[in-house]
């Protein structure tokens, strides 16, 4: 915890993904991959049991043809511990 009420978090992991697409003209394609992701965030603890947290995640995807796509997400959550 940074303070009694605020804590920081960091997370990393592996993402296994698979995408199938079909264009309006009927052409189909498929690609997949295995890539890393990274998340950082913070939480504010109202009580020992109740907290609100904010998290930013980046998924850096690259397929077999070396096409790259970055996906960024921001989440807001509520945690109740019992």
N, C-alpha and C. Protein backbone atom coordinates (compact mmCIF):
# COMPACT_ATOMS: atom_id res chain seq x y z
N UNK A 1 0.83 -1.18 0.00
CA UNK A 1 0.00 0.00 0.00
C UNK A 1 0.88 1.25 0.00
N UNK A 2 0.48 2.23 -0.75
CA UNK A 2 1.17 3.51 -0.78
C UNK A 2 0.84 4.29 0.48
N UNK A 3 -0.43 4.33 0.81
CA UNK A 3 -0.89 4.88 2.07
C UNK A 3 -1.84 3.86 2.68
N UNK A 4 -2.46 4.21 3.77
CA UNK A 4 -3.40 3.28 4.39
C UNK A 4 -4.61 3.02 3.49
N UNK A 5 -4.97 4.01 2.65
CA UNK A 5 -6.17 3.90 1.83
C UNK A 5 -5.90 3.61 0.35
N UNK A 6 -4.66 3.79 -0.13
CA UNK A 6 -4.35 3.67 -1.56
C UNK A 6 -3.32 2.58 -1.78
N UNK A 7 -3.58 1.72 -2.76
CA UNK A 7 -2.61 0.70 -3.14
C UNK A 7 -2.42 0.73 -4.65
N UNK A 8 -1.24 0.31 -5.09
CA UNK A 8 -0.91 0.24 -6.52
C UNK A 8 -0.86 -1.22 -6.94
N UNK A 9 -1.08 -1.45 -8.23
CA UNK A 9 -1.01 -2.82 -8.73
C UNK A 9 -0.35 -2.84 -10.09
N UNK A 10 0.29 -3.94 -10.38
CA UNK A 10 0.88 -4.19 -11.70
C UNK A 10 0.66 -5.67 -12.00
N UNK A 11 0.39 -5.96 -13.25
CA UNK A 11 0.10 -7.34 -13.64
C UNK A 11 0.64 -7.56 -15.05
N UNK A 12 1.16 -8.73 -15.29
CA UNK A 12 1.56 -9.11 -16.63
C UNK A 12 1.15 -10.56 -16.85
N UNK A 13 1.00 -10.93 -18.10
CA UNK A 13 0.59 -12.29 -18.40
C UNK A 13 0.69 -12.58 -19.88
N UNK A 14 0.22 -13.74 -20.25
CA UNK A 14 0.24 -14.19 -21.63
C UNK A 14 -1.18 -14.30 -22.12
N UNK A 15 -1.42 -13.79 -23.33
CA UNK A 15 -2.74 -13.83 -23.94
C UNK A 15 -2.68 -14.74 -25.16
N UNK A 16 -3.53 -15.76 -25.18
CA UNK A 16 -3.68 -16.63 -26.34
C UNK A 16 -4.93 -16.16 -27.08
N UNK A 17 -4.81 -15.80 -28.37
CA UNK A 17 -5.94 -15.23 -29.09
C UNK A 17 -6.10 -15.87 -30.46
N UNK A 18 -7.33 -15.78 -30.99
CA UNK A 18 -7.68 -16.36 -32.28
C UNK A 18 -8.78 -15.49 -32.89
N UNK A 19 -8.60 -15.06 -34.15
CA UNK A 19 -9.57 -14.19 -34.82
C UNK A 19 -9.96 -14.80 -36.16
N UNK A 20 -11.25 -14.90 -36.40
CA UNK A 20 -11.80 -15.30 -37.69
C UNK A 20 -12.58 -14.13 -38.25
N UNK A 21 -12.34 -13.78 -39.52
CA UNK A 21 -13.04 -12.66 -40.14
C UNK A 21 -13.68 -13.09 -41.44
N UNK A 22 -14.73 -12.36 -41.82
CA UNK A 22 -15.41 -12.58 -43.09
C UNK A 22 -15.79 -11.21 -43.63
N UNK A 23 -15.34 -10.89 -44.84
CA UNK A 23 -15.62 -9.59 -45.43
C UNK A 23 -17.02 -9.59 -46.05
N UNK A 24 -17.49 -8.41 -46.43
CA UNK A 24 -18.80 -8.29 -47.07
C UNK A 24 -18.85 -9.05 -48.39
N UNK A 25 -17.70 -9.19 -49.05
CA UNK A 25 -17.65 -9.93 -50.32
C UNK A 25 -17.56 -11.44 -50.11
N UNK A 26 -17.47 -11.89 -48.86
CA UNK A 26 -17.46 -13.31 -48.56
C UNK A 26 -16.08 -13.91 -48.33
N UNK A 27 -15.02 -13.11 -48.45
CA UNK A 27 -13.68 -13.62 -48.20
C UNK A 27 -13.49 -13.88 -46.72
N UNK A 28 -12.90 -15.04 -46.40
CA UNK A 28 -12.67 -15.41 -45.01
C UNK A 28 -11.18 -15.46 -44.73
N UNK A 29 -10.82 -15.11 -43.49
CA UNK A 29 -9.43 -15.25 -43.06
C UNK A 29 -9.41 -15.57 -41.57
N UNK A 30 -8.28 -16.12 -41.16
CA UNK A 30 -8.13 -16.49 -39.76
C UNK A 30 -6.68 -16.24 -39.36
N UNK A 31 -6.47 -15.78 -38.14
CA UNK A 31 -5.13 -15.59 -37.60
C UNK A 31 -5.18 -15.80 -36.10
N UNK A 32 -4.04 -16.10 -35.52
CA UNK A 32 -3.98 -16.30 -34.08
C UNK A 32 -2.59 -15.94 -33.60
N UNK A 33 -2.42 -15.95 -32.30
CA UNK A 33 -1.11 -15.64 -31.74
C UNK A 33 -1.08 -15.81 -30.24
N UNK A 34 0.11 -15.65 -29.71
CA UNK A 34 0.36 -15.68 -28.28
C UNK A 34 1.22 -14.47 -27.96
N UNK A 35 0.72 -13.58 -27.13
CA UNK A 35 1.42 -12.33 -26.85
C UNK A 35 1.31 -11.97 -25.38
N UNK A 36 2.18 -11.05 -24.95
CA UNK A 36 2.20 -10.56 -23.58
C UNK A 36 1.22 -9.41 -23.40
N UNK A 37 0.80 -9.22 -22.17
CA UNK A 37 0.03 -8.02 -21.83
C UNK A 37 0.55 -7.46 -20.52
N UNK A 38 0.26 -6.19 -20.30
CA UNK A 38 0.71 -5.49 -19.10
C UNK A 38 -0.41 -4.62 -18.58
N UNK A 39 -0.61 -4.61 -17.28
CA UNK A 39 -1.62 -3.76 -16.64
C UNK A 39 -1.01 -3.04 -15.45
N UNK A 40 -1.43 -1.80 -15.25
CA UNK A 40 -1.07 -1.04 -14.06
C UNK A 40 -2.32 -0.36 -13.54
N UNK A 41 -2.36 -0.10 -12.25
CA UNK A 41 -3.54 0.53 -11.71
C UNK A 41 -3.37 0.94 -10.26
N UNK A 42 -4.47 1.42 -9.71
CA UNK A 42 -4.49 1.86 -8.32
C UNK A 42 -5.86 1.57 -7.73
N UNK A 43 -5.89 1.43 -6.43
CA UNK A 43 -7.14 1.19 -5.73
C UNK A 43 -7.24 2.12 -4.53
N UNK A 44 -8.47 2.59 -4.28
CA UNK A 44 -8.75 3.38 -3.08
C UNK A 44 -9.65 2.53 -2.19
N UNK A 45 -9.22 2.31 -0.96
CA UNK A 45 -9.94 1.47 -0.01
C UNK A 45 -10.78 2.34 0.91
N UNK A 46 -12.09 2.23 0.76
CA UNK A 46 -13.01 2.96 1.64
C UNK A 46 -12.98 2.35 3.04
N UNK A 47 -12.97 1.03 3.07
CA UNK A 47 -12.88 0.27 4.32
C UNK A 47 -11.94 -0.91 4.05
N UNK A 48 -11.73 -1.76 5.03
CA UNK A 48 -10.92 -2.97 4.81
C UNK A 48 -11.58 -3.90 3.80
N UNK A 49 -12.89 -3.80 3.66
CA UNK A 49 -13.63 -4.72 2.79
C UNK A 49 -14.05 -4.12 1.45
N UNK A 50 -14.12 -2.79 1.33
CA UNK A 50 -14.66 -2.15 0.14
C UNK A 50 -13.63 -1.23 -0.50
N UNK A 51 -13.40 -1.44 -1.81
CA UNK A 51 -12.43 -0.62 -2.54
C UNK A 51 -12.92 -0.37 -3.96
N UNK A 52 -12.50 0.75 -4.53
CA UNK A 52 -12.74 1.04 -5.94
C UNK A 52 -11.36 1.06 -6.60
N UNK A 53 -11.27 0.47 -7.81
CA UNK A 53 -9.97 0.44 -8.46
C UNK A 53 -10.07 0.86 -9.92
N UNK A 54 -8.97 1.41 -10.42
CA UNK A 54 -8.82 1.85 -11.80
C UNK A 54 -7.63 1.08 -12.37
N UNK A 55 -7.78 0.60 -13.63
CA UNK A 55 -6.70 -0.19 -14.22
C UNK A 55 -6.57 0.12 -15.70
N UNK A 56 -5.33 0.27 -16.18
CA UNK A 56 -5.02 0.46 -17.60
C UNK A 56 -4.27 -0.79 -18.07
N UNK A 57 -4.71 -1.36 -19.19
CA UNK A 57 -4.07 -2.56 -19.74
C UNK A 57 -3.70 -2.33 -21.19
N UNK A 58 -2.55 -2.86 -21.58
CA UNK A 58 -2.10 -2.82 -22.98
C UNK A 58 -1.85 -4.25 -23.44
N UNK A 59 -2.51 -4.61 -24.54
CA UNK A 59 -2.31 -5.89 -25.20
C UNK A 59 -1.61 -5.60 -26.52
N UNK A 60 -0.37 -6.06 -26.68
CA UNK A 60 0.41 -5.81 -27.89
C UNK A 60 0.41 -7.09 -28.72
N UNK A 61 -0.51 -7.14 -29.71
CA UNK A 61 -0.69 -8.35 -30.51
C UNK A 61 0.13 -8.29 -31.79
N UNK A 62 0.65 -9.44 -32.20
CA UNK A 62 1.37 -9.56 -33.47
C UNK A 62 1.06 -10.95 -34.03
N UNK A 63 0.60 -10.98 -35.30
CA UNK A 63 0.26 -12.27 -35.89
C UNK A 63 1.45 -12.85 -36.65
N UNK A 64 1.24 -13.99 -37.32
CA UNK A 64 2.31 -14.70 -38.02
C UNK A 64 2.89 -13.91 -39.18
N UNK A 65 2.10 -12.96 -39.74
CA UNK A 65 2.57 -12.12 -40.84
C UNK A 65 3.24 -10.84 -40.34
N UNK A 66 3.49 -10.76 -39.03
CA UNK A 66 4.09 -9.59 -38.37
C UNK A 66 3.21 -8.35 -38.42
N UNK A 67 1.89 -8.53 -38.61
CA UNK A 67 0.95 -7.42 -38.48
C UNK A 67 0.79 -7.13 -36.99
N UNK A 68 0.84 -5.86 -36.61
CA UNK A 68 0.79 -5.49 -35.20
C UNK A 68 -0.49 -4.74 -34.88
N UNK A 69 -1.03 -4.99 -33.70
CA UNK A 69 -2.23 -4.32 -33.22
C UNK A 69 -2.11 -4.15 -31.72
N UNK A 70 -2.20 -2.91 -31.25
CA UNK A 70 -2.20 -2.63 -29.82
C UNK A 70 -3.64 -2.37 -29.38
N UNK A 71 -4.04 -3.03 -28.31
CA UNK A 71 -5.37 -2.84 -27.74
C UNK A 71 -5.18 -2.29 -26.34
N UNK A 72 -5.78 -1.14 -26.07
CA UNK A 72 -5.71 -0.51 -24.75
C UNK A 72 -7.09 -0.53 -24.11
N UNK A 73 -7.14 -0.87 -22.84
CA UNK A 73 -8.40 -0.85 -22.10
C UNK A 73 -8.21 -0.10 -20.78
N UNK A 74 -9.27 0.56 -20.34
CA UNK A 74 -9.31 1.20 -19.04
C UNK A 74 -10.54 0.66 -18.33
N UNK A 75 -10.35 0.18 -17.11
CA UNK A 75 -11.47 -0.37 -16.36
C UNK A 75 -11.59 0.33 -15.01
N UNK A 76 -12.80 0.36 -14.52
CA UNK A 76 -13.11 0.87 -13.20
C UNK A 76 -13.88 -0.23 -12.48
N UNK A 77 -13.41 -0.62 -11.31
CA UNK A 77 -14.04 -1.73 -10.63
C UNK A 77 -14.35 -1.44 -9.18
N UNK A 78 -15.19 -2.27 -8.63
CA UNK A 78 -15.56 -2.20 -7.21
C UNK A 78 -15.29 -3.56 -6.62
N UNK A 79 -14.54 -3.60 -5.52
CA UNK A 79 -14.17 -4.85 -4.89
C UNK A 79 -14.73 -4.91 -3.48
N UNK A 80 -15.38 -6.01 -3.18
CA UNK A 80 -15.85 -6.27 -1.81
C UNK A 80 -15.19 -7.56 -1.35
N UNK A 81 -14.45 -7.50 -0.28
CA UNK A 81 -13.77 -8.68 0.28
C UNK A 81 -14.51 -9.14 1.52
N UNK A 82 -14.68 -10.45 1.62
CA UNK A 82 -15.34 -10.98 2.81
C UNK A 82 -14.63 -12.19 3.32
